[in-house]
Amino acid sequence: MPPSRNPSVKTWSEKLHIYLGLYFLVFLWLFAASGLLLNHAWRFAEFWPQRQQSTREQRISIPDATTDSARAADLMRQLGLAGELEWTTVRQPPERFEFRVARPGRTIDVKADLSRATATVQEIRVNGWGVFRTLHTFTGVRINAPTSERDWILTKLWSFSMDAVAAGMVLLVITSLVLAYGRREKWISSAIALVSGILLCGFFVFGLRWL
């Protein structure tokens, strides 16, 4: 293999490629495995039929907050709940206030009757496969509420980690290009791999629009 024209660039590319790959190893395996679970209905990874459901009723103090999100946060504190607030709604009559709290492995629906100062908490728990699958799409971003913010610290931490994985993948690809350029004597195999990926990805991104 001929020496690279810029050894320092090649050395740094190799280091970045190795250490980023090692740092993101488990994250990438998690996304790869959970992606396979989303893509296939494997029986061994079933989680919804094995879900556990529970319901409890608890006395509450009437929240004096003026916004739905603040009211939900107050009730979550009283009920000992933690997670990402997905949505809130006021039912008829207006004394009925409902919201949902989500976290990987759990979905919690709260139905508060402010006239009776009680809240009914319905919780669904799924097994590890369910948690594994949920992490693939758990972002805290709600399509029907684009201006909402993530309100659970662990959601923010997970979202930050996913941003880091995305940025790390960009760097891994860049270092792959640099290392491939350093082995120009095998440019045909590198070109085939690169062009194949571009064509296939381009087909799904653009080609499906005309089918």
N, C-alpha and C. Protein backbone atom coordinates (compact mmCIF):
# COMPACT_ATOMS: atom_id res chain seq x y z
N MET A 1 0.84 -1.19 0.00
CA MET A 1 0.00 0.00 0.00
C MET A 1 0.88 1.24 0.00
N PRO A 2 0.73 2.12 -0.98
CA PRO A 2 1.56 3.32 -1.05
C PRO A 2 1.26 4.26 0.10
N PRO A 3 2.25 5.00 0.58
CA PRO A 3 2.01 5.92 1.69
C PRO A 3 1.06 7.03 1.28
N SER A 4 0.26 7.51 2.24
CA SER A 4 -0.67 8.59 1.97
C SER A 4 0.09 9.89 1.74
N ARG A 5 -0.44 10.76 0.88
CA ARG A 5 0.21 12.04 0.63
C ARG A 5 0.16 12.94 1.86
N ASN A 6 -0.80 12.71 2.72
CA ASN A 6 -0.90 13.50 3.95
C ASN A 6 -1.10 12.54 5.12
N PRO A 7 0.01 12.02 5.69
CA PRO A 7 -0.09 11.03 6.75
C PRO A 7 -0.89 11.51 7.96
N SER A 8 -0.79 12.81 8.29
CA SER A 8 -1.50 13.31 9.47
C SER A 8 -3.00 13.20 9.30
N VAL A 9 -3.51 13.50 8.11
CA VAL A 9 -4.94 13.39 7.83
C VAL A 9 -5.37 11.94 7.94
N LYS A 10 -4.58 11.03 7.39
CA LYS A 10 -4.91 9.61 7.44
C LYS A 10 -4.89 9.11 8.89
N THR A 11 -3.90 9.56 9.66
CA THR A 11 -3.80 9.12 11.05
C THR A 11 -4.99 9.60 11.86
N TRP A 12 -5.36 10.88 11.70
CA TRP A 12 -6.50 11.40 12.44
C TRP A 12 -7.80 10.75 11.99
N SER A 13 -7.91 10.46 10.71
CA SER A 13 -9.10 9.79 10.21
C SER A 13 -9.24 8.40 10.81
N GLU A 14 -8.12 7.68 10.90
CA GLU A 14 -8.15 6.34 11.50
C GLU A 14 -8.53 6.41 12.97
N LYS A 15 -7.97 7.39 13.70
CA LYS A 15 -8.28 7.51 15.12
C LYS A 15 -9.76 7.85 15.33
N LEU A 16 -10.26 8.83 14.57
CA LEU A 16 -11.67 9.19 14.69
C LEU A 16 -12.57 8.01 14.35
N HIS A 17 -12.22 7.31 13.29
CA HIS A 17 -13.03 6.17 12.86
C HIS A 17 -13.07 5.08 13.93
N ILE A 18 -11.94 4.82 14.54
CA ILE A 18 -11.87 3.76 15.56
C ILE A 18 -12.58 4.18 16.84
N TYR A 19 -12.24 5.37 17.37
CA TYR A 19 -12.77 5.75 18.68
C TYR A 19 -14.24 6.14 18.62
N LEU A 20 -14.67 6.78 17.54
CA LEU A 20 -16.09 7.07 17.40
C LEU A 20 -16.88 5.77 17.26
N GLY A 21 -16.33 4.84 16.48
CA GLY A 21 -16.99 3.56 16.31
C GLY A 21 -17.14 2.82 17.63
N LEU A 22 -16.09 2.86 18.47
CA LEU A 22 -16.15 2.19 19.77
C LEU A 22 -17.12 2.90 20.71
N TYR A 23 -17.11 4.23 20.69
CA TYR A 23 -17.99 4.98 21.59
C TYR A 23 -19.46 4.76 21.25
N PHE A 24 -19.78 4.74 19.95
CA PHE A 24 -21.17 4.60 19.53
C PHE A 24 -21.56 3.15 19.26
N LEU A 25 -20.69 2.21 19.61
CA LEU A 25 -20.93 0.80 19.30
C LEU A 25 -22.29 0.32 19.80
N VAL A 26 -22.56 0.50 21.11
CA VAL A 26 -23.80 -0.02 21.68
C VAL A 26 -25.00 0.76 21.17
N PHE A 27 -24.86 2.08 21.00
CA PHE A 27 -25.96 2.88 20.44
C PHE A 27 -26.34 2.37 19.05
N LEU A 28 -25.34 2.12 18.23
CA LEU A 28 -25.62 1.66 16.86
C LEU A 28 -26.22 0.27 16.87
N TRP A 29 -25.73 -0.60 17.73
CA TRP A 29 -26.33 -1.93 17.85
C TRP A 29 -27.78 -1.83 18.30
N LEU A 30 -28.04 -0.92 19.25
CA LEU A 30 -29.42 -0.75 19.73
C LEU A 30 -30.34 -0.32 18.60
N PHE A 31 -29.90 0.67 17.80
CA PHE A 31 -30.74 1.14 16.71
C PHE A 31 -30.87 0.10 15.61
N ALA A 32 -29.81 -0.65 15.38
CA ALA A 32 -29.90 -1.70 14.37
C ALA A 32 -30.87 -2.80 14.81
N ALA A 33 -30.75 -3.23 16.06
CA ALA A 33 -31.62 -4.30 16.56
C ALA A 33 -33.06 -3.84 16.67
N SER A 34 -33.29 -2.63 17.20
CA SER A 34 -34.67 -2.14 17.31
C SER A 34 -35.26 -1.87 15.94
N GLY A 35 -34.43 -1.49 14.97
CA GLY A 35 -34.92 -1.33 13.61
C GLY A 35 -35.38 -2.65 13.02
N LEU A 36 -34.64 -3.72 13.33
CA LEU A 36 -35.07 -5.04 12.88
C LEU A 36 -36.39 -5.44 13.53
N LEU A 37 -36.57 -5.10 14.80
CA LEU A 37 -37.82 -5.41 15.48
C LEU A 37 -38.98 -4.65 14.86
N LEU A 38 -38.76 -3.40 14.46
CA LEU A 38 -39.80 -2.63 13.82
C LEU A 38 -40.14 -3.18 12.44
N ASN A 39 -39.17 -3.79 11.81
CA ASN A 39 -39.33 -4.26 10.43
C ASN A 39 -39.88 -5.68 10.35
N HIS A 40 -39.86 -6.41 11.47
CA HIS A 40 -40.30 -7.81 11.45
C HIS A 40 -41.17 -8.11 12.67
N ALA A 41 -42.13 -8.98 12.49
CA ALA A 41 -43.01 -9.38 13.58
C ALA A 41 -42.55 -10.72 14.14
N TRP A 42 -41.37 -10.74 14.74
CA TRP A 42 -40.83 -11.97 15.30
C TRP A 42 -41.57 -12.33 16.58
N ARG A 43 -41.96 -13.59 16.69
CA ARG A 43 -42.76 -14.03 17.83
C ARG A 43 -42.00 -13.93 19.15
N PHE A 44 -40.69 -14.20 19.10
CA PHE A 44 -39.94 -14.18 20.36
C PHE A 44 -39.84 -12.76 20.93
N ALA A 45 -40.07 -11.74 20.09
CA ALA A 45 -39.95 -10.36 20.54
C ALA A 45 -41.32 -9.70 20.77
N GLU A 46 -42.37 -10.51 20.87
CA GLU A 46 -43.69 -9.94 21.12
C GLU A 46 -43.73 -9.32 22.52
N PHE A 47 -44.38 -8.19 22.63
CA PHE A 47 -44.45 -7.54 23.93
C PHE A 47 -45.87 -7.08 24.29
N TRP A 48 -46.68 -6.75 23.28
CA TRP A 48 -48.01 -6.22 23.59
C TRP A 48 -48.92 -7.26 24.24
N PRO A 49 -48.96 -8.53 23.77
CA PRO A 49 -49.81 -9.52 24.45
C PRO A 49 -49.40 -9.77 25.89
N GLN A 50 -48.13 -9.52 26.23
CA GLN A 50 -47.65 -9.75 27.60
C GLN A 50 -47.70 -8.49 28.46
N ARG A 51 -48.36 -7.47 27.98
CA ARG A 51 -48.41 -6.21 28.73
C ARG A 51 -49.12 -6.39 30.08
N GLN A 52 -48.76 -5.54 31.02
CA GLN A 52 -49.39 -5.53 32.34
C GLN A 52 -50.15 -4.23 32.51
N GLN A 53 -51.41 -4.32 32.91
CA GLN A 53 -52.25 -3.14 33.08
C GLN A 53 -52.70 -3.03 34.53
N SER A 54 -52.75 -1.81 35.01
CA SER A 54 -53.20 -1.57 36.37
C SER A 54 -53.97 -0.25 36.42
N THR A 55 -54.89 -0.16 37.36
CA THR A 55 -55.69 1.05 37.55
C THR A 55 -55.77 1.36 39.04
N ARG A 56 -55.59 2.62 39.38
CA ARG A 56 -55.73 3.03 40.77
C ARG A 56 -56.38 4.40 40.83
N GLU A 57 -57.01 4.67 41.92
CA GLU A 57 -57.63 5.97 42.14
C GLU A 57 -57.00 6.61 43.36
N GLN A 58 -56.77 7.92 43.27
CA GLN A 58 -56.06 8.61 44.35
C GLN A 58 -56.65 10.00 44.55
N ARG A 59 -56.68 10.42 45.79
CA ARG A 59 -57.12 11.78 46.10
C ARG A 59 -56.05 12.78 45.66
N ILE A 60 -56.51 13.92 45.20
CA ILE A 60 -55.59 14.97 44.74
C ILE A 60 -56.01 16.32 45.31
N SER A 61 -55.07 17.23 45.29
CA SER A 61 -55.37 18.62 45.58
C SER A 61 -55.60 19.34 44.26
N ILE A 62 -56.58 20.22 44.21
CA ILE A 62 -56.90 20.90 42.96
C ILE A 62 -55.74 21.81 42.57
N PRO A 63 -55.14 21.62 41.40
CA PRO A 63 -54.03 22.49 40.96
C PRO A 63 -54.52 23.92 40.74
N ASP A 64 -53.70 24.88 41.14
CA ASP A 64 -54.05 26.28 40.90
C ASP A 64 -53.33 26.85 39.70
N ALA A 65 -52.72 25.98 38.88
CA ALA A 65 -52.00 26.43 37.67
C ALA A 65 -52.99 26.95 36.65
N THR A 66 -52.50 27.81 35.76
CA THR A 66 -53.37 28.44 34.76
C THR A 66 -53.25 27.79 33.38
N THR A 67 -52.23 26.96 33.15
CA THR A 67 -52.07 26.30 31.86
C THR A 67 -52.21 24.79 32.04
N ASP A 68 -52.60 24.14 30.94
CA ASP A 68 -52.79 22.69 31.00
C ASP A 68 -51.51 21.95 31.35
N SER A 69 -50.39 22.37 30.76
CA SER A 69 -49.13 21.68 31.02
C SER A 69 -48.70 21.85 32.47
N ALA A 70 -48.88 23.04 33.02
CA ALA A 70 -48.52 23.27 34.42
C ALA A 70 -49.46 22.50 35.34
N ARG A 71 -50.74 22.42 34.97
CA ARG A 71 -51.70 21.66 35.77
C ARG A 71 -51.32 20.17 35.76
N ALA A 72 -50.95 19.66 34.57
CA ALA A 72 -50.54 18.27 34.47
C ALA A 72 -49.27 18.01 35.28
N ALA A 73 -48.32 18.94 35.24
CA ALA A 73 -47.08 18.78 36.00
C ALA A 73 -47.37 18.72 37.50
N ASP A 74 -48.31 19.54 37.97
CA ASP A 74 -48.69 19.53 39.38
C ASP A 74 -49.29 18.18 39.75
N LEU A 75 -50.19 17.67 38.92
CA LEU A 75 -50.82 16.38 39.21
C LEU A 75 -49.81 15.24 39.14
N MET A 76 -48.87 15.30 38.20
CA MET A 76 -47.83 14.28 38.13
C MET A 76 -47.03 14.24 39.42
N ARG A 77 -46.71 15.40 39.96
CA ARG A 77 -45.96 15.45 41.21
C ARG A 77 -46.78 14.83 42.34
N GLN A 78 -48.07 15.14 42.39
CA GLN A 78 -48.91 14.59 43.45
C GLN A 78 -49.07 13.07 43.32
N LEU A 79 -49.13 12.60 42.09
CA LEU A 79 -49.36 11.18 41.85
C LEU A 79 -48.07 10.36 41.80
N GLY A 80 -46.93 11.04 41.92
CA GLY A 80 -45.65 10.34 41.89
C GLY A 80 -45.30 9.79 40.52
N LEU A 81 -45.63 10.53 39.46
CA LEU A 81 -45.39 10.08 38.10
C LEU A 81 -44.21 10.83 37.49
N ALA A 82 -43.47 10.14 36.65
CA ALA A 82 -42.35 10.75 35.93
C ALA A 82 -42.38 10.26 34.50
N GLY A 83 -42.12 11.15 33.57
CA GLY A 83 -42.11 10.79 32.16
C GLY A 83 -42.36 12.00 31.29
N GLU A 84 -42.54 11.75 30.02
CA GLU A 84 -42.77 12.82 29.04
C GLU A 84 -44.27 13.05 28.89
N LEU A 85 -44.69 14.30 29.07
CA LEU A 85 -46.10 14.65 28.92
C LEU A 85 -46.45 14.67 27.43
N GLU A 86 -47.32 13.75 27.01
CA GLU A 86 -47.64 13.62 25.59
C GLU A 86 -48.77 14.56 25.17
N TRP A 87 -49.84 14.59 25.91
CA TRP A 87 -50.95 15.47 25.56
C TRP A 87 -51.82 15.72 26.78
N THR A 88 -52.59 16.80 26.71
CA THR A 88 -53.58 17.11 27.73
C THR A 88 -54.88 17.48 27.03
N THR A 89 -55.98 17.28 27.72
CA THR A 89 -57.27 17.66 27.16
C THR A 89 -58.26 17.88 28.28
N VAL A 90 -59.21 18.77 28.04
CA VAL A 90 -60.28 19.04 28.99
C VAL A 90 -61.56 18.46 28.41
N ARG A 91 -62.19 17.57 29.16
CA ARG A 91 -63.43 16.93 28.73
C ARG A 91 -64.63 17.70 29.27
N GLN A 92 -65.77 17.39 28.69
CA GLN A 92 -67.01 17.93 29.22
C GLN A 92 -67.54 17.01 30.32
N PRO A 93 -67.90 17.51 31.47
CA PRO A 93 -67.81 18.92 31.89
C PRO A 93 -66.37 19.36 32.11
N PRO A 94 -66.13 20.65 32.20
CA PRO A 94 -64.74 21.16 32.28
C PRO A 94 -63.99 20.72 33.53
N GLU A 95 -64.70 20.14 34.50
CA GLU A 95 -64.01 19.66 35.70
C GLU A 95 -63.21 18.39 35.43
N ARG A 96 -63.40 17.79 34.27
CA ARG A 96 -62.66 16.57 33.93
C ARG A 96 -61.44 16.95 33.10
N PHE A 97 -60.29 16.61 33.61
CA PHE A 97 -59.01 16.96 32.98
C PHE A 97 -58.22 15.67 32.77
N GLU A 98 -57.76 15.44 31.55
CA GLU A 98 -57.06 14.21 31.22
C GLU A 98 -55.72 14.53 30.56
N PHE A 99 -54.75 13.64 30.78
CA PHE A 99 -53.47 13.77 30.11
C PHE A 99 -52.79 12.42 30.09
N ARG A 100 -51.75 12.32 29.24
CA ARG A 100 -51.00 11.07 29.11
C ARG A 100 -49.52 11.34 29.38
N VAL A 101 -48.91 10.42 30.11
CA VAL A 101 -47.48 10.46 30.38
C VAL A 101 -46.85 9.23 29.76
N ALA A 102 -45.78 9.41 29.00
CA ALA A 102 -45.12 8.29 28.33
C ALA A 102 -43.66 8.23 28.72
N ARG A 103 -43.17 7.01 28.81
CA ARG A 103 -41.75 6.75 29.01
C ARG A 103 -41.50 5.36 28.44
N PRO A 104 -40.27 5.06 28.04
CA PRO A 104 -40.03 3.73 27.47
C PRO A 104 -40.49 2.62 28.39
N GLY A 105 -41.41 1.81 27.88
CA GLY A 105 -41.93 0.70 28.67
C GLY A 105 -43.22 0.99 29.40
N ARG A 106 -43.63 2.26 29.47
CA ARG A 106 -44.84 2.60 30.21
C ARG A 106 -45.67 3.66 29.46
N THR A 107 -46.98 3.50 29.54
CA THR A 107 -47.92 4.51 29.08
C THR A 107 -48.92 4.72 30.20
N ILE A 108 -49.05 5.96 30.65
CA ILE A 108 -49.88 6.26 31.81
C ILE A 108 -50.93 7.29 31.42
N ASP A 109 -52.19 6.93 31.55
CA ASP A 109 -53.31 7.83 31.29
C ASP A 109 -53.90 8.27 32.62
N VAL A 110 -54.01 9.58 32.79
CA VAL A 110 -54.56 10.15 34.01
C VAL A 110 -55.88 10.84 33.69
N LYS A 111 -56.92 10.49 34.43
CA LYS A 111 -58.23 11.11 34.28
C LYS A 111 -58.60 11.72 35.62
N ALA A 112 -58.53 13.04 35.68
CA ALA A 112 -58.77 13.75 36.93
C ALA A 112 -60.18 14.31 36.94
N ASP A 113 -60.87 14.09 38.04
CA ASP A 113 -62.19 14.68 38.27
C ASP A 113 -62.00 15.76 39.32
N LEU A 114 -61.89 17.01 38.86
CA LEU A 114 -61.56 18.10 39.76
C LEU A 114 -62.70 18.42 40.71
N SER A 115 -63.92 18.06 40.32
CA SER A 115 -65.06 18.31 41.21
C SER A 115 -65.04 17.39 42.42
N ARG A 116 -64.48 16.19 42.27
CA ARG A 116 -64.39 15.21 43.36
C ARG A 116 -62.99 15.16 43.97
N ALA A 117 -62.05 15.90 43.37
CA ALA A 117 -60.66 15.92 43.85
C ALA A 117 -60.07 14.52 43.85
N THR A 118 -60.32 13.77 42.77
CA THR A 118 -59.76 12.43 42.62
C THR A 118 -59.17 12.28 41.22
N ALA A 119 -58.25 11.35 41.09
CA ALA A 119 -57.64 11.06 39.79
C ALA A 119 -57.54 9.55 39.62
N THR A 120 -57.91 9.08 38.43
CA THR A 120 -57.77 7.68 38.08
C THR A 120 -56.54 7.51 37.21
N VAL A 121 -55.65 6.65 37.62
CA VAL A 121 -54.39 6.44 36.90
C VAL A 121 -54.42 5.05 36.29
N GLN A 122 -54.37 5.00 34.96
CA GLN A 122 -54.33 3.73 34.23
C GLN A 122 -52.95 3.57 33.61
N GLU A 123 -52.27 2.50 33.98
CA GLU A 123 -50.88 2.31 33.54
C GLU A 123 -50.73 1.01 32.76
N ILE A 124 -50.02 1.09 31.66
CA ILE A 124 -49.69 -0.09 30.85
C ILE A 124 -48.17 -0.23 30.83
N ARG A 125 -47.70 -1.41 31.21
CA ARG A 125 -46.27 -1.70 31.19
C ARG A 125 -46.00 -2.82 30.20
N VAL A 126 -44.91 -2.68 29.45
CA VAL A 126 -44.51 -3.72 28.52
C VAL A 126 -43.14 -4.25 28.92
N ASN A 127 -42.77 -5.39 28.36
CA ASN A 127 -41.51 -6.02 28.74
C ASN A 127 -40.30 -5.35 28.06
N GLY A 128 -39.15 -5.97 28.23
CA GLY A 128 -37.92 -5.39 27.69
C GLY A 128 -37.93 -5.20 26.18
N TRP A 129 -38.60 -6.12 25.46
CA TRP A 129 -38.68 -5.96 24.01
C TRP A 129 -39.46 -4.69 23.66
N GLY A 130 -40.49 -4.41 24.44
CA GLY A 130 -41.26 -3.19 24.19
C GLY A 130 -40.44 -1.95 24.45
N VAL A 131 -39.65 -1.98 25.52
CA VAL A 131 -38.76 -0.85 25.81
C VAL A 131 -37.75 -0.67 24.68
N PHE A 132 -37.19 -1.79 24.24
CA PHE A 132 -36.19 -1.79 23.18
C PHE A 132 -36.74 -1.14 21.92
N ARG A 133 -37.97 -1.52 21.57
CA ARG A 133 -38.60 -0.99 20.36
C ARG A 133 -38.96 0.49 20.51
N THR A 134 -39.45 0.87 21.70
CA THR A 134 -39.85 2.25 21.91
C THR A 134 -38.68 3.21 21.81
N LEU A 135 -37.51 2.79 22.28
CA LEU A 135 -36.35 3.68 22.26
C LEU A 135 -35.99 4.11 20.84
N HIS A 136 -36.36 3.30 19.84
CA HIS A 136 -36.03 3.63 18.46
C HIS A 136 -36.73 4.92 18.00
N THR A 137 -37.93 5.17 18.55
CA THR A 137 -38.72 6.31 18.09
C THR A 137 -39.04 7.29 19.21
N PHE A 138 -38.47 7.09 20.40
CA PHE A 138 -38.80 7.94 21.54
C PHE A 138 -38.02 9.25 21.45
N THR A 139 -38.72 10.34 21.13
CA THR A 139 -38.06 11.64 20.97
C THR A 139 -38.67 12.74 21.83
N GLY A 140 -39.93 12.55 22.24
CA GLY A 140 -40.60 13.62 22.97
C GLY A 140 -41.19 14.68 22.08
N VAL A 141 -40.99 14.58 20.77
CA VAL A 141 -41.54 15.54 19.82
C VAL A 141 -42.91 15.05 19.37
N ARG A 142 -43.89 15.93 19.40
CA ARG A 142 -45.24 15.56 19.03
C ARG A 142 -45.62 16.27 17.74
N ILE A 143 -46.05 15.50 16.73
CA ILE A 143 -46.39 16.06 15.42
C ILE A 143 -47.54 17.04 15.52
N ASN A 144 -48.52 16.74 16.37
CA ASN A 144 -49.69 17.61 16.48
C ASN A 144 -49.45 18.82 17.39
N ALA A 145 -48.23 18.92 17.94
CA ALA A 145 -47.89 20.07 18.78
C ALA A 145 -46.44 20.44 18.51
N PRO A 146 -46.16 21.00 17.32
CA PRO A 146 -44.76 21.27 16.94
C PRO A 146 -44.05 22.28 17.82
N THR A 147 -44.81 23.13 18.55
CA THR A 147 -44.17 24.14 19.38
C THR A 147 -43.93 23.66 20.81
N SER A 148 -44.37 22.45 21.12
CA SER A 148 -44.18 21.93 22.47
C SER A 148 -42.71 21.61 22.73
N GLU A 149 -42.36 21.60 24.00
CA GLU A 149 -40.98 21.32 24.38
C GLU A 149 -40.90 20.02 25.17
N ARG A 150 -39.75 19.38 25.11
CA ARG A 150 -39.53 18.19 25.94
C ARG A 150 -39.51 18.62 27.40
N ASP A 151 -40.30 17.94 28.22
CA ASP A 151 -40.42 18.38 29.60
C ASP A 151 -39.88 17.38 30.61
N TRP A 152 -39.26 16.30 30.14
CA TRP A 152 -38.67 15.31 31.04
C TRP A 152 -37.18 15.30 30.80
N ILE A 153 -36.39 15.40 31.86
CA ILE A 153 -34.95 15.52 31.73
C ILE A 153 -34.34 14.33 30.99
N LEU A 154 -34.89 13.12 31.23
CA LEU A 154 -34.33 11.94 30.56
C LEU A 154 -34.65 11.94 29.06
N THR A 155 -35.78 12.54 28.68
CA THR A 155 -36.08 12.68 27.25
C THR A 155 -35.06 13.61 26.61
N LYS A 156 -34.73 14.70 27.29
CA LYS A 156 -33.73 15.63 26.77
C LYS A 156 -32.38 14.95 26.64
N LEU A 157 -32.02 14.15 27.65
CA LEU A 157 -30.73 13.45 27.61
C LEU A 157 -30.70 12.44 26.47
N TRP A 158 -31.80 11.68 26.30
CA TRP A 158 -31.86 10.70 25.22
C TRP A 158 -31.82 11.39 23.86
N SER A 159 -32.55 12.50 23.71
CA SER A 159 -32.54 13.24 22.45
C SER A 159 -31.14 13.77 22.13
N PHE A 160 -30.45 14.28 23.16
CA PHE A 160 -29.09 14.75 22.96
C PHE A 160 -28.18 13.61 22.52
N SER A 161 -28.36 12.44 23.13
CA SER A 161 -27.55 11.28 22.76
C SER A 161 -27.79 10.90 21.31
N MET A 162 -29.05 10.97 20.85
CA MET A 162 -29.36 10.63 19.47
C MET A 162 -28.76 11.65 18.50
N ASP A 163 -28.76 12.93 18.89
CA ASP A 163 -28.10 13.94 18.06
C ASP A 163 -26.61 13.64 17.96
N ALA A 164 -26.03 13.21 19.08
CA ALA A 164 -24.60 12.88 19.08
C ALA A 164 -24.33 11.68 18.18
N VAL A 165 -25.22 10.68 18.20
CA VAL A 165 -25.06 9.52 17.33
C VAL A 165 -25.13 9.95 15.86
N ALA A 166 -26.09 10.82 15.54
CA ALA A 166 -26.23 11.28 14.16
C ALA A 166 -24.98 12.03 13.70
N ALA A 167 -24.47 12.92 14.58
CA ALA A 167 -23.25 13.66 14.23
C ALA A 167 -22.07 12.71 14.12
N GLY A 168 -22.02 11.71 15.02
CA GLY A 168 -20.93 10.73 14.96
C GLY A 168 -20.97 9.92 13.68
N MET A 169 -22.18 9.58 13.21
CA MET A 169 -22.29 8.84 11.96
C MET A 169 -21.78 9.66 10.78
N VAL A 170 -22.05 10.97 10.81
CA VAL A 170 -21.54 11.84 9.75
C VAL A 170 -20.01 11.81 9.74
N LEU A 171 -19.41 11.89 10.93
CA LEU A 171 -17.94 11.86 11.02
C LEU A 171 -17.39 10.49 10.60
N LEU A 172 -18.10 9.42 10.98
CA LEU A 172 -17.65 8.09 10.56
C LEU A 172 -17.64 7.96 9.05
N VAL A 173 -18.67 8.50 8.41
CA VAL A 173 -18.74 8.43 6.94
C VAL A 173 -17.63 9.27 6.32
N ILE A 174 -17.39 10.45 6.89
CA ILE A 174 -16.32 11.30 6.34
C ILE A 174 -14.97 10.60 6.47
N THR A 175 -14.72 10.00 7.63
CA THR A 175 -13.44 9.31 7.79
C THR A 175 -13.36 8.08 6.87
N SER A 176 -14.50 7.46 6.59
CA SER A 176 -14.50 6.34 5.63
C SER A 176 -14.08 6.82 4.25
N LEU A 177 -14.58 8.00 3.85
CA LEU A 177 -14.20 8.55 2.55
C LEU A 177 -12.71 8.86 2.51
N VAL A 178 -12.20 9.43 3.61
CA VAL A 178 -10.77 9.77 3.65
C VAL A 178 -9.93 8.49 3.58
N LEU A 179 -10.31 7.47 4.33
CA LEU A 179 -9.55 6.21 4.33
C LEU A 179 -9.67 5.51 2.98
N ALA A 180 -10.84 5.59 2.36
CA ALA A 180 -11.01 4.98 1.03
C ALA A 180 -10.13 5.69 0.01
N TYR A 181 -10.02 7.00 0.14
CA TYR A 181 -9.16 7.76 -0.77
C TYR A 181 -7.70 7.36 -0.60
N GLY A 182 -7.34 6.97 0.66
CA GLY A 182 -5.96 6.58 0.93
C GLY A 182 -5.58 5.23 0.32
N ARG A 183 -6.57 4.45 -0.06
CA ARG A 183 -6.29 3.15 -0.69
C ARG A 183 -6.77 3.19 -2.15
N ARG A 184 -6.26 4.18 -2.88
CA ARG A 184 -6.73 4.44 -4.25
C ARG A 184 -6.42 3.30 -5.21
N GLU A 185 -5.47 2.42 -4.82
CA GLU A 185 -5.15 1.30 -5.71
C GLU A 185 -6.33 0.33 -5.80
N LYS A 186 -7.28 0.43 -4.85
CA LYS A 186 -8.48 -0.41 -4.88
C LYS A 186 -9.72 0.45 -5.09
N TRP A 187 -9.60 1.44 -5.97
CA TRP A 187 -10.67 2.42 -6.14
C TRP A 187 -11.93 1.81 -6.76
N ILE A 188 -11.78 0.73 -7.52
CA ILE A 188 -12.95 0.15 -8.18
C ILE A 188 -13.94 -0.40 -7.15
N SER A 189 -13.46 -1.19 -6.18
CA SER A 189 -14.36 -1.75 -5.16
C SER A 189 -14.96 -0.65 -4.30
N SER A 190 -14.15 0.37 -3.98
CA SER A 190 -14.67 1.49 -3.19
C SER A 190 -15.74 2.25 -3.97
N ALA A 191 -15.49 2.46 -5.25
CA ALA A 191 -16.45 3.19 -6.09
C ALA A 191 -17.76 2.41 -6.23
N ILE A 192 -17.65 1.09 -6.39
CA ILE A 192 -18.86 0.26 -6.51
C ILE A 192 -19.71 0.37 -5.24
N ALA A 193 -19.06 0.28 -4.07
CA ALA A 193 -19.79 0.38 -2.81
C ALA A 193 -20.44 1.75 -2.65
N LEU A 194 -19.71 2.81 -2.98
CA LEU A 194 -20.23 4.16 -2.84
C LEU A 194 -21.39 4.43 -3.79
N VAL A 195 -21.21 4.10 -5.06
CA VAL A 195 -22.24 4.36 -6.07
C VAL A 195 -23.48 3.51 -5.79
N SER A 196 -23.30 2.27 -5.35
CA SER A 196 -24.45 1.41 -5.04
C SER A 196 -25.29 2.02 -3.92
N GLY A 197 -24.61 2.51 -2.89
CA GLY A 197 -25.33 3.14 -1.78
C GLY A 197 -26.05 4.40 -2.22
N ILE A 198 -25.40 5.21 -3.06
CA ILE A 198 -26.04 6.45 -3.53
C ILE A 198 -27.27 6.15 -4.37
N LEU A 199 -27.15 5.18 -5.27
CA LEU A 199 -28.28 4.85 -6.16
C LEU A 199 -29.47 4.28 -5.37
N LEU A 200 -29.20 3.37 -4.46
CA LEU A 200 -30.29 2.76 -3.72
C LEU A 200 -30.97 3.77 -2.80
N CYS A 201 -30.18 4.57 -2.10
CA CYS A 201 -30.76 5.58 -1.23
C CYS A 201 -31.51 6.62 -2.06
N GLY A 202 -30.94 7.03 -3.18
CA GLY A 202 -31.60 8.00 -4.05
C GLY A 202 -32.92 7.49 -4.58
N PHE A 203 -32.98 6.17 -4.84
CA PHE A 203 -34.24 5.58 -5.32
C PHE A 203 -35.35 5.75 -4.28
N PHE A 204 -35.02 5.46 -3.00
CA PHE A 204 -36.05 5.57 -1.97
C PHE A 204 -36.41 7.01 -1.65
N VAL A 205 -35.42 7.91 -1.73
CA VAL A 205 -35.67 9.31 -1.40
C VAL A 205 -36.41 10.03 -2.53
N PHE A 206 -35.99 9.78 -3.78
CA PHE A 206 -36.55 10.52 -4.91
C PHE A 206 -37.36 9.63 -5.86
N GLY A 207 -36.87 8.40 -6.10
CA GLY A 207 -37.50 7.58 -7.12
C GLY A 207 -38.92 7.17 -6.81
N LEU A 208 -39.23 6.95 -5.51
CA LEU A 208 -40.58 6.53 -5.15
C LEU A 208 -41.63 7.59 -5.46
N ARG A 209 -41.20 8.83 -5.63
CA ARG A 209 -42.16 9.89 -5.94
C ARG A 209 -42.79 9.72 -7.31
N TRP A 210 -42.09 9.01 -8.21
CA TRP A 210 -42.59 8.87 -9.59
C TRP A 210 -43.18 7.50 -9.87
N LEU A 211 -43.26 6.64 -8.85
CA LEU A 211 -43.83 5.31 -9.06
C LEU A 211 -45.32 5.31 -8.75
